N, C-alpha and C. Protein backbone atom coordinates (compact mmCIF):
# COMPACT_ATOMS: atom_id res chain seq x y z
N MET A 1 56.89 -10.00 -29.51
CA MET A 1 55.90 -11.01 -29.86
C MET A 1 55.37 -10.70 -31.25
N THR A 2 55.36 -11.70 -32.11
CA THR A 2 54.88 -11.48 -33.47
C THR A 2 53.37 -11.65 -33.52
N ARG A 3 52.78 -10.89 -34.39
CA ARG A 3 51.33 -10.94 -34.56
C ARG A 3 51.00 -12.01 -35.61
N VAL A 4 50.13 -12.90 -35.26
CA VAL A 4 49.71 -13.96 -36.18
C VAL A 4 48.50 -13.46 -36.95
N GLU A 5 48.62 -13.46 -38.27
CA GLU A 5 47.52 -13.01 -39.10
C GLU A 5 46.49 -14.13 -39.22
N LYS A 6 45.23 -13.79 -39.04
CA LYS A 6 44.14 -14.77 -39.09
C LYS A 6 43.93 -15.20 -40.54
N VAL A 7 43.91 -16.50 -40.75
CA VAL A 7 43.64 -17.05 -42.07
C VAL A 7 42.21 -17.57 -42.07
N TRP A 8 41.42 -17.05 -42.97
CA TRP A 8 40.02 -17.46 -43.06
C TRP A 8 39.86 -18.52 -44.14
N ASP A 9 39.38 -19.66 -43.75
CA ASP A 9 38.94 -20.68 -44.70
C ASP A 9 37.53 -21.07 -44.29
N ARG A 10 36.92 -21.98 -45.03
CA ARG A 10 35.51 -22.29 -44.74
C ARG A 10 35.34 -22.88 -43.33
N PHE A 11 36.34 -23.60 -42.85
CA PHE A 11 36.25 -24.19 -41.52
C PHE A 11 36.33 -23.11 -40.44
N ALA A 12 37.24 -22.16 -40.62
CA ALA A 12 37.37 -21.06 -39.66
C ALA A 12 36.13 -20.17 -39.66
N ILE A 13 35.55 -19.97 -40.84
CA ILE A 13 34.34 -19.16 -40.95
C ILE A 13 33.18 -19.84 -40.23
N LYS A 14 33.02 -21.15 -40.47
CA LYS A 14 31.95 -21.89 -39.79
C LYS A 14 32.15 -21.88 -38.28
N ALA A 15 33.39 -22.02 -37.84
CA ALA A 15 33.67 -22.01 -36.41
C ALA A 15 33.36 -20.65 -35.80
N ALA A 16 33.72 -19.59 -36.50
CA ALA A 16 33.45 -18.24 -36.00
C ALA A 16 31.94 -17.99 -35.91
N LEU A 17 31.20 -18.47 -36.88
CA LEU A 17 29.74 -18.35 -36.82
C LEU A 17 29.20 -19.13 -35.63
N GLY A 18 29.71 -20.35 -35.43
CA GLY A 18 29.27 -21.18 -34.31
C GLY A 18 29.54 -20.54 -32.96
N ARG A 19 30.70 -19.87 -32.84
CA ARG A 19 31.03 -19.19 -31.58
C ARG A 19 30.05 -18.05 -31.30
N LYS A 20 29.47 -17.50 -32.35
CA LYS A 20 28.47 -16.43 -32.18
C LYS A 20 27.06 -17.00 -32.05
N GLY A 21 26.94 -18.33 -32.12
CA GLY A 21 25.63 -18.95 -32.02
C GLY A 21 24.83 -18.86 -33.31
N LEU A 22 25.53 -18.73 -34.42
CA LEU A 22 24.87 -18.59 -35.72
C LEU A 22 25.11 -19.83 -36.58
N THR A 23 24.22 -20.03 -37.53
CA THR A 23 24.39 -21.08 -38.52
C THR A 23 24.36 -20.45 -39.91
N LEU A 24 24.90 -21.16 -40.89
CA LEU A 24 24.87 -20.64 -42.26
C LEU A 24 23.44 -20.45 -42.74
N THR A 25 22.57 -21.41 -42.44
CA THR A 25 21.16 -21.30 -42.84
C THR A 25 20.50 -20.13 -42.15
N GLY A 26 20.75 -19.96 -40.88
CA GLY A 26 20.17 -18.86 -40.13
C GLY A 26 20.61 -17.50 -40.66
N VAL A 27 21.89 -17.38 -40.98
CA VAL A 27 22.41 -16.12 -41.53
C VAL A 27 21.75 -15.82 -42.87
N ALA A 28 21.61 -16.84 -43.71
CA ALA A 28 20.98 -16.64 -45.02
C ALA A 28 19.53 -16.20 -44.87
N GLU A 29 18.79 -16.88 -44.01
CA GLU A 29 17.38 -16.54 -43.82
C GLU A 29 17.23 -15.14 -43.22
N GLU A 30 18.12 -14.78 -42.29
CA GLU A 30 18.08 -13.45 -41.68
C GLU A 30 18.33 -12.36 -42.74
N ALA A 31 19.14 -12.69 -43.73
CA ALA A 31 19.45 -11.74 -44.80
C ALA A 31 18.39 -11.76 -45.91
N GLY A 32 17.39 -12.63 -45.78
CA GLY A 32 16.35 -12.71 -46.80
C GLY A 32 16.77 -13.48 -48.03
N LEU A 33 17.73 -14.37 -47.87
CA LEU A 33 18.25 -15.15 -48.99
C LEU A 33 17.73 -16.59 -48.91
N ASP A 34 17.98 -17.32 -49.97
CA ASP A 34 17.69 -18.75 -49.99
C ASP A 34 18.47 -19.42 -48.85
N PRO A 35 17.89 -20.41 -48.18
CA PRO A 35 18.59 -21.05 -47.05
C PRO A 35 19.98 -21.59 -47.38
N ALA A 36 20.21 -21.97 -48.62
CA ALA A 36 21.52 -22.52 -49.00
C ALA A 36 22.50 -21.46 -49.49
N ALA A 37 22.11 -20.20 -49.52
CA ALA A 37 22.96 -19.15 -50.10
C ALA A 37 24.30 -19.01 -49.39
N CYS A 38 24.33 -19.07 -48.09
CA CYS A 38 25.59 -18.91 -47.37
C CYS A 38 26.50 -20.12 -47.54
N ARG A 39 25.92 -21.31 -47.62
CA ARG A 39 26.74 -22.50 -47.90
C ARG A 39 27.37 -22.36 -49.28
N LYS A 40 26.58 -21.90 -50.23
CA LYS A 40 27.10 -21.68 -51.59
C LYS A 40 28.13 -20.55 -51.59
N GLY A 41 27.92 -19.57 -50.74
CA GLY A 41 28.84 -18.45 -50.65
C GLY A 41 30.24 -18.86 -50.22
N LEU A 42 30.34 -19.85 -49.36
CA LEU A 42 31.65 -20.31 -48.91
C LEU A 42 32.43 -21.00 -50.02
N SER A 43 31.72 -21.53 -51.00
CA SER A 43 32.41 -22.22 -52.10
C SER A 43 32.54 -21.36 -53.35
N GLY A 44 32.11 -20.09 -53.26
CA GLY A 44 32.28 -19.19 -54.39
C GLY A 44 31.12 -19.17 -55.36
N MET A 45 29.98 -19.72 -54.96
CA MET A 45 28.85 -19.80 -55.88
C MET A 45 27.73 -18.81 -55.58
N SER A 46 27.85 -18.01 -54.53
CA SER A 46 26.82 -17.03 -54.20
C SER A 46 27.45 -15.84 -53.49
N ARG A 47 27.67 -14.79 -54.24
CA ARG A 47 28.26 -13.59 -53.63
C ARG A 47 27.34 -13.00 -52.57
N PRO A 48 26.00 -12.92 -52.80
CA PRO A 48 25.14 -12.40 -51.73
C PRO A 48 25.23 -13.23 -50.45
N GLY A 49 25.36 -14.54 -50.58
CA GLY A 49 25.51 -15.40 -49.41
C GLY A 49 26.81 -15.13 -48.69
N ALA A 50 27.88 -14.95 -49.45
CA ALA A 50 29.18 -14.64 -48.86
C ALA A 50 29.14 -13.28 -48.17
N GLN A 51 28.45 -12.32 -48.78
CA GLN A 51 28.33 -11.00 -48.17
C GLN A 51 27.56 -11.07 -46.86
N ALA A 52 26.52 -11.90 -46.82
CA ALA A 52 25.74 -12.08 -45.59
C ALA A 52 26.61 -12.66 -44.48
N VAL A 53 27.48 -13.60 -44.83
CA VAL A 53 28.40 -14.19 -43.84
C VAL A 53 29.37 -13.12 -43.32
N ALA A 54 29.92 -12.33 -44.23
CA ALA A 54 30.85 -11.28 -43.82
C ALA A 54 30.15 -10.27 -42.90
N ASP A 55 28.92 -9.92 -43.23
CA ASP A 55 28.17 -8.98 -42.40
C ASP A 55 27.89 -9.58 -41.02
N ALA A 56 27.54 -10.86 -40.98
CA ALA A 56 27.23 -11.51 -39.71
C ALA A 56 28.46 -11.58 -38.81
N LEU A 57 29.62 -11.79 -39.41
CA LEU A 57 30.86 -11.87 -38.63
C LEU A 57 31.50 -10.50 -38.40
N GLU A 58 30.92 -9.49 -39.02
CA GLU A 58 31.45 -8.12 -38.91
C GLU A 58 32.92 -8.06 -39.33
N GLU A 59 33.21 -8.73 -40.42
CA GLU A 59 34.55 -8.76 -40.99
C GLU A 59 34.48 -8.20 -42.41
N PRO A 60 35.55 -7.58 -42.88
CA PRO A 60 35.56 -7.09 -44.27
C PRO A 60 35.43 -8.25 -45.25
N PHE A 61 34.61 -8.06 -46.26
CA PHE A 61 34.38 -9.10 -47.27
C PHE A 61 35.70 -9.55 -47.89
N SER A 62 36.55 -8.58 -48.23
CA SER A 62 37.81 -8.91 -48.89
C SER A 62 38.76 -9.69 -48.00
N GLU A 63 38.60 -9.59 -46.67
CA GLU A 63 39.44 -10.35 -45.77
C GLU A 63 38.96 -11.80 -45.65
N LEU A 64 37.64 -11.99 -45.64
CA LEU A 64 37.10 -13.35 -45.54
C LEU A 64 37.26 -14.13 -46.84
N PHE A 65 37.10 -13.44 -47.95
CA PHE A 65 37.10 -14.12 -49.26
C PHE A 65 38.10 -13.49 -50.21
N PRO A 66 39.38 -13.50 -49.87
CA PRO A 66 40.36 -12.89 -50.77
C PRO A 66 40.53 -13.71 -52.04
N GLY A 67 40.25 -13.12 -53.16
CA GLY A 67 40.44 -13.79 -54.43
C GLY A 67 39.35 -14.75 -54.83
N LEU A 68 38.43 -15.07 -53.93
CA LEU A 68 37.38 -16.01 -54.29
C LEU A 68 36.36 -15.38 -55.23
N TYR A 69 36.02 -14.15 -54.95
CA TYR A 69 35.08 -13.43 -55.80
C TYR A 69 35.85 -12.34 -56.52
N LEU A 70 36.19 -12.60 -57.77
CA LEU A 70 36.94 -11.64 -58.56
C LEU A 70 35.97 -10.75 -59.32
N ASN A 71 36.50 -9.69 -59.85
CA ASN A 71 35.70 -8.77 -60.64
C ASN A 71 35.16 -9.52 -61.87
N ARG A 72 33.87 -9.65 -61.96
CA ARG A 72 33.27 -10.42 -63.05
C ARG A 72 33.53 -9.80 -64.41
N ARG A 73 33.73 -8.49 -64.46
CA ARG A 73 33.99 -7.85 -65.73
C ARG A 73 35.29 -8.38 -66.34
N ARG A 74 36.31 -8.53 -65.50
CA ARG A 74 37.57 -9.05 -65.99
C ARG A 74 37.40 -10.49 -66.46
N ASP A 75 36.66 -11.30 -65.71
CA ASP A 75 36.41 -12.67 -66.11
C ASP A 75 35.65 -12.73 -67.42
N LYS A 76 34.71 -11.82 -67.60
CA LYS A 76 33.91 -11.79 -68.82
C LYS A 76 34.81 -11.53 -70.03
N ASN A 77 35.77 -10.61 -69.87
CA ASN A 77 36.68 -10.32 -70.98
C ASN A 77 37.50 -11.55 -71.35
N LYS A 78 37.94 -12.31 -70.35
CA LYS A 78 38.69 -13.53 -70.64
C LYS A 78 37.81 -14.50 -71.43
N HIS A 79 36.56 -14.62 -71.04
CA HIS A 79 35.65 -15.53 -71.72
C HIS A 79 35.44 -15.09 -73.16
N ASN A 80 35.30 -13.79 -73.37
CA ASN A 80 35.09 -13.28 -74.73
C ASN A 80 36.30 -13.55 -75.61
N GLN A 81 37.50 -13.46 -75.05
CA GLN A 81 38.69 -13.73 -75.83
C GLN A 81 38.73 -15.18 -76.27
N LYS A 82 38.36 -16.09 -75.39
CA LYS A 82 38.35 -17.50 -75.75
C LYS A 82 37.31 -17.79 -76.83
N SER A 83 36.12 -17.22 -76.65
CA SER A 83 35.07 -17.49 -77.63
C SER A 83 35.42 -16.85 -78.97
N ALA A 84 36.12 -15.70 -78.94
CA ALA A 84 36.51 -15.06 -80.20
C ALA A 84 37.50 -15.94 -80.95
N ARG A 85 38.45 -16.54 -80.21
CA ARG A 85 39.40 -17.45 -80.87
C ARG A 85 38.68 -18.67 -81.42
N ARG A 86 37.74 -19.19 -80.66
CA ARG A 86 37.00 -20.36 -81.11
C ARG A 86 36.17 -20.02 -82.34
N ASP A 87 35.54 -18.86 -82.33
CA ASP A 87 34.73 -18.46 -83.47
C ASP A 87 35.59 -18.27 -84.71
N SER A 88 36.76 -17.67 -84.55
CA SER A 88 37.61 -17.44 -85.71
C SER A 88 38.07 -18.77 -86.29
N ALA A 89 38.27 -19.78 -85.46
CA ALA A 89 38.67 -21.09 -85.97
C ALA A 89 37.52 -21.71 -86.77
N LYS A 90 36.30 -21.51 -86.32
CA LYS A 90 35.15 -22.04 -87.05
C LYS A 90 35.01 -21.37 -88.40
N ILE A 91 35.26 -20.07 -88.42
CA ILE A 91 35.15 -19.34 -89.68
C ILE A 91 36.20 -19.83 -90.66
N SER A 92 37.43 -20.03 -90.18
CA SER A 92 38.49 -20.46 -91.08
C SER A 92 38.21 -21.88 -91.59
N SER A 93 37.63 -22.76 -90.77
CA SER A 93 37.33 -24.10 -91.25
C SER A 93 36.21 -24.06 -92.29
N ALA A 94 35.27 -23.13 -92.13
CA ALA A 94 34.20 -23.00 -93.12
C ALA A 94 34.77 -22.49 -94.42
N VAL A 95 35.73 -21.58 -94.37
CA VAL A 95 36.38 -21.05 -95.56
C VAL A 95 37.18 -22.16 -96.25
N ASP A 96 37.86 -23.00 -95.46
CA ASP A 96 38.61 -24.11 -96.02
C ASP A 96 37.70 -25.08 -96.76
N LYS A 97 36.52 -25.35 -96.22
CA LYS A 97 35.59 -26.25 -96.88
C LYS A 97 35.13 -25.67 -98.22
N ARG A 98 34.85 -24.37 -98.21
CA ARG A 98 34.42 -23.74 -99.47
C ARG A 98 35.53 -23.76 -100.49
N ALA A 99 36.78 -23.54 -100.05
CA ALA A 99 37.91 -23.53 -100.98
C ALA A 99 38.12 -24.91 -101.60
N GLY A 100 37.90 -25.97 -100.81
CA GLY A 100 38.08 -27.33 -101.31
C GLY A 100 36.98 -27.72 -102.29
N ALA A 101 35.78 -27.15 -102.13
CA ALA A 101 34.67 -27.48 -103.00
C ALA A 101 34.78 -26.78 -104.33
N ALA A 102 35.53 -25.70 -104.40
CA ALA A 102 35.59 -24.91 -105.64
C ALA A 102 36.57 -25.46 -106.63
């Protein structure tokens, strides 16, 4: 018999909470968070809310939300690279304007 790996999506998470008699708002309030934190956590907008859900379900955070919450440091570096390219383009256009005026 093959073992079926559980796939967690927002519907499965809500259902698992419901089977335990919990609600997203209740979990958030129990954790001392804003009532909407767990709802936001399911969509990737509140890591503390997502952590509260994982704690309530007694499941590893990385299993419930694989890839949804990435290391922010890595994301920050990507953002800096984009802004650096954008800034360098602005500098070159300013240099072009000065060259044309001379």
